[in-house]
């Protein structure tokens, strides 16, 4: 079995490549005060997408009970780059508050949102 190794250590996103899937784990909540730091990290994520060209990007939101528009912008940017690379993207593990933010902003229409990692991985082959 393949044990994924970290691609890039970072404050907000832990990135791991497992086969043809780029896994992003949001390590903590994102407030408006985090804007600059997380926007710098998204550049690293996008560079990794361009360099490694995955078939899919799976984003784990389980460690971020809340977030605001800054993270929505980051997710939109990652989704756009994934799309340019021909990769699917799916989000999972959102808290009830985070899920509400994603649904009110209609991000769940742009990027599929499921509850578990297993559902996320299964949705990629559907």
N, C-alpha and C. Protein backbone atom coordinates (compact mmCIF):
# COMPACT_ATOMS: atom_id res chain seq x y z
N UNK A 1 0.85 -1.19 0.00
CA UNK A 1 0.00 0.00 0.00
C UNK A 1 0.88 1.24 0.00
N UNK A 2 0.46 2.24 -0.74
CA UNK A 2 1.20 3.50 -0.84
C UNK A 2 0.96 4.35 0.39
N UNK A 3 2.01 4.77 1.05
CA UNK A 3 1.88 5.70 2.16
C UNK A 3 2.24 7.08 1.65
N UNK A 4 1.26 8.00 1.61
CA UNK A 4 1.53 9.31 1.03
C UNK A 4 2.54 10.10 1.86
N UNK A 5 3.42 10.77 1.18
CA UNK A 5 4.40 11.64 1.83
C UNK A 5 3.99 13.08 1.60
N UNK A 6 4.25 13.95 2.56
CA UNK A 6 3.88 15.35 2.38
C UNK A 6 4.57 15.94 1.15
N UNK A 7 3.81 16.72 0.40
CA UNK A 7 4.39 17.42 -0.73
C UNK A 7 4.99 18.74 -0.26
N UNK A 8 4.23 19.48 0.53
CA UNK A 8 4.67 20.79 1.01
C UNK A 8 4.13 21.01 2.42
N UNK A 9 5.00 21.30 3.40
CA UNK A 9 4.48 21.66 4.72
C UNK A 9 3.99 23.11 4.69
N UNK A 10 2.88 23.41 5.33
CA UNK A 10 2.35 24.76 5.30
C UNK A 10 1.48 25.00 6.52
N UNK A 11 1.11 26.26 6.73
CA UNK A 11 0.30 26.63 7.89
C UNK A 11 -1.15 26.22 7.76
N UNK A 12 -1.73 26.38 6.58
CA UNK A 12 -3.15 26.13 6.41
C UNK A 12 -3.46 24.84 5.69
N UNK A 13 -2.75 24.55 4.61
CA UNK A 13 -3.02 23.34 3.84
C UNK A 13 -1.90 22.34 3.98
N UNK A 14 -2.28 21.12 4.26
CA UNK A 14 -1.34 20.00 4.16
C UNK A 14 -1.66 19.35 2.82
N UNK A 15 -0.67 19.24 1.95
CA UNK A 15 -0.87 18.65 0.64
C UNK A 15 -0.17 17.31 0.57
N UNK A 16 -0.88 16.33 0.03
CA UNK A 16 -0.31 15.00 -0.19
C UNK A 16 -0.77 14.51 -1.55
N UNK A 17 0.12 13.90 -2.26
CA UNK A 17 -0.25 13.29 -3.53
C UNK A 17 -0.32 11.78 -3.29
N UNK A 18 -1.45 11.20 -3.64
CA UNK A 18 -1.64 9.77 -3.50
C UNK A 18 -2.13 9.25 -4.84
N UNK A 19 -1.24 8.60 -5.55
CA UNK A 19 -1.57 8.16 -6.91
C UNK A 19 -1.82 9.38 -7.77
N UNK A 20 -3.00 9.45 -8.36
CA UNK A 20 -3.35 10.58 -9.22
C UNK A 20 -4.27 11.57 -8.52
N UNK A 21 -4.36 11.47 -7.19
CA UNK A 21 -5.22 12.36 -6.41
C UNK A 21 -4.35 13.28 -5.56
N UNK A 22 -4.62 14.57 -5.65
CA UNK A 22 -3.99 15.53 -4.76
C UNK A 22 -4.95 15.76 -3.61
N UNK A 23 -4.49 15.43 -2.40
CA UNK A 23 -5.30 15.61 -1.20
C UNK A 23 -4.88 16.88 -0.49
N UNK A 24 -5.85 17.72 -0.21
CA UNK A 24 -5.60 18.95 0.55
C UNK A 24 -6.37 18.85 1.85
N UNK A 25 -5.67 19.03 2.94
CA UNK A 25 -6.31 19.02 4.25
C UNK A 25 -6.18 20.43 4.82
N UNK A 26 -7.32 21.10 5.00
CA UNK A 26 -7.31 22.41 5.64
C UNK A 26 -7.11 22.18 7.12
N UNK A 27 -5.97 22.64 7.65
CA UNK A 27 -5.55 22.28 9.00
C UNK A 27 -6.21 23.09 10.11
N UNK A 28 -6.81 24.23 9.77
CA UNK A 28 -7.43 25.05 10.81
C UNK A 28 -8.41 26.03 10.19
N UNK A 29 -9.20 26.66 11.04
CA UNK A 29 -10.17 27.64 10.57
C UNK A 29 -9.45 28.82 9.94
N UNK A 30 -10.16 29.47 9.04
CA UNK A 30 -9.59 30.61 8.32
C UNK A 30 -10.44 31.84 8.63
N UNK A 31 -9.81 32.82 9.24
CA UNK A 31 -10.52 34.07 9.53
C UNK A 31 -10.06 35.13 8.53
N UNK A 32 -10.71 36.27 8.57
CA UNK A 32 -10.32 37.35 7.66
C UNK A 32 -8.91 37.84 7.96
N UNK A 33 -8.43 37.62 9.18
CA UNK A 33 -7.07 38.04 9.52
C UNK A 33 -6.02 37.13 8.88
N UNK A 34 -6.46 36.02 8.32
CA UNK A 34 -5.54 35.06 7.72
C UNK A 34 -5.31 35.33 6.23
N UNK A 35 -6.00 36.31 5.68
CA UNK A 35 -6.02 36.53 4.24
C UNK A 35 -4.67 36.42 3.56
N UNK A 36 -3.73 37.21 3.98
CA UNK A 36 -2.43 37.25 3.30
C UNK A 36 -1.71 35.90 3.35
N UNK A 37 -1.70 35.28 4.51
CA UNK A 37 -0.97 34.02 4.65
C UNK A 37 -1.59 32.90 3.83
N UNK A 38 -2.90 32.79 3.84
CA UNK A 38 -3.52 31.71 3.08
C UNK A 38 -3.46 31.98 1.59
N UNK A 39 -3.52 33.25 1.20
CA UNK A 39 -3.41 33.58 -0.23
C UNK A 39 -2.02 33.24 -0.75
N UNK A 40 -1.00 33.40 0.09
CA UNK A 40 0.35 32.97 -0.31
C UNK A 40 0.39 31.46 -0.48
N UNK A 41 -0.27 30.74 0.41
CA UNK A 41 -0.27 29.27 0.32
C UNK A 41 -1.02 28.77 -0.91
N UNK A 42 -2.05 29.47 -1.33
CA UNK A 42 -2.80 29.00 -2.49
C UNK A 42 -1.90 29.02 -3.72
N UNK A 43 -0.95 29.93 -3.78
CA UNK A 43 0.00 29.95 -4.89
C UNK A 43 0.81 28.65 -4.92
N UNK A 44 1.16 28.14 -3.75
CA UNK A 44 1.89 26.88 -3.67
C UNK A 44 1.01 25.71 -4.12
N UNK A 45 -0.26 25.73 -3.74
CA UNK A 45 -1.19 24.69 -4.16
C UNK A 45 -1.36 24.71 -5.67
N UNK A 46 -1.54 25.88 -6.25
CA UNK A 46 -1.72 26.01 -7.70
C UNK A 46 -0.46 25.55 -8.43
N UNK A 47 0.70 25.92 -7.91
CA UNK A 47 1.96 25.47 -8.54
C UNK A 47 2.05 23.95 -8.50
N UNK A 48 1.62 23.34 -7.41
CA UNK A 48 1.63 21.87 -7.31
C UNK A 48 0.67 21.25 -8.31
N UNK A 49 -0.50 21.87 -8.49
CA UNK A 49 -1.46 21.38 -9.48
C UNK A 49 -0.86 21.40 -10.88
N UNK A 50 -0.15 22.47 -11.19
CA UNK A 50 0.46 22.61 -12.51
C UNK A 50 1.60 21.61 -12.69
N UNK A 51 2.36 21.40 -11.65
CA UNK A 51 3.54 20.52 -11.74
C UNK A 51 3.16 19.04 -11.74
N UNK A 52 2.21 18.66 -10.93
CA UNK A 52 1.89 17.24 -10.75
C UNK A 52 0.65 16.78 -11.51
N UNK A 53 -0.16 17.68 -12.02
CA UNK A 53 -1.37 17.42 -12.81
C UNK A 53 -2.13 16.18 -12.34
N UNK A 54 -2.86 16.31 -11.24
CA UNK A 54 -3.64 15.17 -10.75
C UNK A 54 -4.92 14.97 -11.55
N UNK A 55 -5.53 13.82 -11.39
CA UNK A 55 -6.85 13.56 -11.98
C UNK A 55 -7.95 14.17 -11.10
N UNK A 56 -7.63 14.34 -9.82
CA UNK A 56 -8.63 14.84 -8.88
C UNK A 56 -7.96 15.57 -7.73
N UNK A 57 -8.73 16.50 -7.14
CA UNK A 57 -8.33 17.22 -5.94
C UNK A 57 -9.42 16.98 -4.91
N UNK A 58 -9.03 16.45 -3.76
CA UNK A 58 -9.96 16.15 -2.68
C UNK A 58 -9.57 17.04 -1.51
N UNK A 59 -10.54 17.83 -1.03
CA UNK A 59 -10.26 18.80 0.04
C UNK A 59 -11.01 18.40 1.30
N UNK A 60 -10.24 18.18 2.36
CA UNK A 60 -10.76 17.81 3.68
C UNK A 60 -10.94 19.08 4.52
N UNK A 61 -12.16 19.40 4.86
CA UNK A 61 -12.48 20.60 5.64
C UNK A 61 -12.75 20.29 7.11
N UNK A 62 -12.53 19.06 7.54
CA UNK A 62 -12.94 18.63 8.87
C UNK A 62 -12.24 19.34 10.02
N UNK A 63 -11.09 19.91 9.79
CA UNK A 63 -10.37 20.61 10.87
C UNK A 63 -10.64 22.10 10.89
N UNK A 64 -11.56 22.55 10.06
CA UNK A 64 -11.90 23.97 9.99
C UNK A 64 -13.39 24.14 10.27
N UNK A 65 -13.76 24.28 11.55
CA UNK A 65 -15.18 24.37 11.87
C UNK A 65 -15.87 25.61 11.27
N UNK A 66 -15.10 26.64 10.98
CA UNK A 66 -15.69 27.83 10.35
C UNK A 66 -14.67 28.46 9.41
N UNK A 67 -15.19 29.22 8.47
CA UNK A 67 -14.34 30.01 7.56
C UNK A 67 -15.24 31.02 6.87
N UNK A 68 -14.61 31.96 6.21
CA UNK A 68 -15.38 33.00 5.54
C UNK A 68 -15.02 33.11 4.08
N UNK A 69 -15.23 34.31 3.57
CA UNK A 69 -15.08 34.55 2.14
C UNK A 69 -13.65 34.35 1.64
N UNK A 70 -12.68 34.53 2.50
CA UNK A 70 -11.29 34.32 2.08
C UNK A 70 -11.09 32.88 1.62
N UNK A 71 -11.58 31.93 2.39
CA UNK A 71 -11.42 30.53 1.99
C UNK A 71 -12.25 30.22 0.75
N UNK A 72 -13.40 30.83 0.62
CA UNK A 72 -14.20 30.62 -0.59
C UNK A 72 -13.41 31.06 -1.82
N UNK A 73 -12.73 32.17 -1.72
CA UNK A 73 -11.91 32.65 -2.83
C UNK A 73 -10.78 31.66 -3.12
N UNK A 74 -10.17 31.14 -2.09
CA UNK A 74 -9.10 30.15 -2.25
C UNK A 74 -9.64 28.89 -2.93
N UNK A 75 -10.78 28.39 -2.48
CA UNK A 75 -11.36 27.20 -3.08
C UNK A 75 -11.73 27.44 -4.54
N UNK A 76 -12.26 28.63 -4.85
CA UNK A 76 -12.60 28.96 -6.23
C UNK A 76 -11.35 28.96 -7.11
N UNK A 77 -10.29 29.54 -6.59
CA UNK A 77 -9.03 29.60 -7.34
C UNK A 77 -8.46 28.20 -7.60
N UNK A 78 -8.48 27.36 -6.58
CA UNK A 78 -8.00 25.98 -6.74
C UNK A 78 -8.89 25.23 -7.72
N UNK A 79 -10.20 25.42 -7.61
CA UNK A 79 -11.14 24.75 -8.52
C UNK A 79 -10.89 25.16 -9.97
N UNK A 80 -10.67 26.44 -10.20
CA UNK A 80 -10.40 26.91 -11.56
C UNK A 80 -9.13 26.28 -12.13
N UNK A 81 -8.08 26.23 -11.32
CA UNK A 81 -6.83 25.64 -11.80
C UNK A 81 -6.98 24.13 -12.01
N UNK A 82 -7.69 23.47 -11.11
CA UNK A 82 -7.93 22.04 -11.28
C UNK A 82 -8.67 21.80 -12.60
N UNK A 83 -9.67 22.63 -12.87
CA UNK A 83 -10.42 22.51 -14.11
C UNK A 83 -9.55 22.72 -15.34
N UNK A 84 -8.65 23.68 -15.27
CA UNK A 84 -7.72 23.91 -16.39
C UNK A 84 -6.84 22.69 -16.63
N UNK A 85 -6.54 21.96 -15.56
CA UNK A 85 -5.69 20.77 -15.66
C UNK A 85 -6.52 19.52 -15.97
N UNK A 86 -7.84 19.68 -16.05
CA UNK A 86 -8.71 18.54 -16.34
C UNK A 86 -9.01 17.67 -15.13
N UNK A 87 -8.79 18.22 -13.94
CA UNK A 87 -9.00 17.45 -12.70
C UNK A 87 -10.37 17.75 -12.09
N UNK A 88 -10.98 16.74 -11.51
CA UNK A 88 -12.21 16.91 -10.74
C UNK A 88 -11.83 17.41 -9.36
N UNK A 89 -12.78 18.02 -8.67
CA UNK A 89 -12.53 18.48 -7.31
C UNK A 89 -13.76 18.18 -6.46
N UNK A 90 -13.53 17.76 -5.22
CA UNK A 90 -14.62 17.48 -4.30
C UNK A 90 -14.21 17.90 -2.90
N UNK A 91 -15.17 18.39 -2.13
CA UNK A 91 -14.95 18.81 -0.74
C UNK A 91 -15.64 17.81 0.18
N UNK A 92 -15.05 17.60 1.35
CA UNK A 92 -15.73 16.74 2.34
C UNK A 92 -15.37 17.17 3.75
N UNK A 93 -16.17 16.70 4.71
CA UNK A 93 -15.89 16.91 6.12
C UNK A 93 -16.27 18.28 6.66
N UNK A 94 -17.10 19.02 5.97
CA UNK A 94 -17.48 20.36 6.44
C UNK A 94 -18.35 20.26 7.69
N UNK A 95 -18.07 21.13 8.64
CA UNK A 95 -18.91 21.22 9.84
C UNK A 95 -20.28 21.77 9.43
N UNK A 96 -21.28 21.69 10.31
CA UNK A 96 -22.59 22.25 9.96
C UNK A 96 -22.51 23.73 9.58
N UNK A 97 -21.70 24.51 10.29
CA UNK A 97 -21.57 25.94 9.97
C UNK A 97 -20.86 26.11 8.62
N UNK A 98 -19.79 25.37 8.40
CA UNK A 98 -19.07 25.46 7.13
C UNK A 98 -19.95 25.01 5.97
N UNK A 99 -20.70 23.95 6.18
CA UNK A 99 -21.63 23.46 5.14
C UNK A 99 -22.65 24.54 4.80
N UNK A 100 -23.15 25.22 5.82
CA UNK A 100 -24.12 26.29 5.59
C UNK A 100 -23.50 27.42 4.76
N UNK A 101 -22.26 27.79 5.08
CA UNK A 101 -21.56 28.83 4.29
C UNK A 101 -21.45 28.39 2.84
N UNK A 102 -21.05 27.14 2.61
CA UNK A 102 -20.89 26.61 1.25
C UNK A 102 -22.22 26.56 0.51
N UNK A 103 -23.29 26.22 1.21
CA UNK A 103 -24.60 26.13 0.57
C UNK A 103 -25.19 27.51 0.30
N UNK A 104 -25.08 28.44 1.24
CA UNK A 104 -25.61 29.79 1.04
C UNK A 104 -24.89 30.49 -0.11
N UNK A 105 -23.60 30.25 -0.22
CA UNK A 105 -22.81 30.88 -1.29
C UNK A 105 -22.89 30.09 -2.61
N UNK A 106 -23.61 28.97 -2.60
CA UNK A 106 -23.80 28.09 -3.76
C UNK A 106 -22.51 27.42 -4.21
N UNK A 107 -21.52 27.34 -3.34
CA UNK A 107 -20.28 26.64 -3.70
C UNK A 107 -20.54 25.15 -3.87
N UNK A 108 -21.54 24.62 -3.17
CA UNK A 108 -21.87 23.21 -3.32
C UNK A 108 -22.40 22.91 -4.72
N UNK A 109 -22.80 23.92 -5.47
CA UNK A 109 -23.19 23.74 -6.87
C UNK A 109 -21.99 23.76 -7.79
N UNK A 110 -20.94 24.46 -7.38
CA UNK A 110 -19.71 24.57 -8.16
C UNK A 110 -18.80 23.37 -7.91
N UNK A 111 -18.66 23.02 -6.63
CA UNK A 111 -17.77 21.94 -6.22
C UNK A 111 -18.59 20.96 -5.39
N UNK A 112 -18.63 19.69 -5.78
CA UNK A 112 -19.40 18.72 -5.00
C UNK A 112 -18.95 18.71 -3.53
N UNK A 113 -19.93 18.60 -2.64
CA UNK A 113 -19.71 18.59 -1.20
C UNK A 113 -20.34 17.33 -0.64
N UNK A 114 -19.50 16.49 -0.02
CA UNK A 114 -19.99 15.25 0.59
C UNK A 114 -19.54 15.22 2.05
N UNK A 115 -20.02 14.25 2.78
CA UNK A 115 -19.74 14.20 4.22
C UNK A 115 -18.42 13.55 4.57
N UNK A 116 -18.07 12.46 3.87
CA UNK A 116 -16.90 11.67 4.29
C UNK A 116 -15.86 11.54 3.18
N UNK A 117 -14.67 11.15 3.59
CA UNK A 117 -13.60 10.91 2.63
C UNK A 117 -13.96 9.78 1.69
N UNK A 118 -14.57 8.73 2.22
CA UNK A 118 -14.97 7.60 1.39
C UNK A 118 -15.94 8.04 0.30
N UNK A 119 -16.93 8.86 0.67
CA UNK A 119 -17.88 9.39 -0.31
C UNK A 119 -17.17 10.25 -1.34
N UNK A 120 -16.19 11.03 -0.90
CA UNK A 120 -15.44 11.90 -1.82
C UNK A 120 -14.71 11.06 -2.86
N UNK A 121 -14.02 10.02 -2.40
CA UNK A 121 -13.26 9.17 -3.32
C UNK A 121 -14.19 8.40 -4.26
N UNK A 122 -15.32 7.94 -3.74
CA UNK A 122 -16.29 7.22 -4.58
C UNK A 122 -16.90 8.16 -5.63
N UNK A 123 -17.09 9.43 -5.28
CA UNK A 123 -17.70 10.36 -6.23
C UNK A 123 -16.77 10.64 -7.42
N UNK A 124 -15.50 10.41 -7.25
CA UNK A 124 -14.53 10.65 -8.32
C UNK A 124 -14.63 9.62 -9.43
N UNK A 125 -15.08 8.42 -9.09
CA UNK A 125 -15.19 7.36 -10.10
C UNK A 125 -16.59 7.26 -10.67
N UNK A 126 -17.51 8.00 -10.11
CA UNK A 126 -18.90 7.95 -10.59
C UNK A 126 -19.05 8.72 -11.90
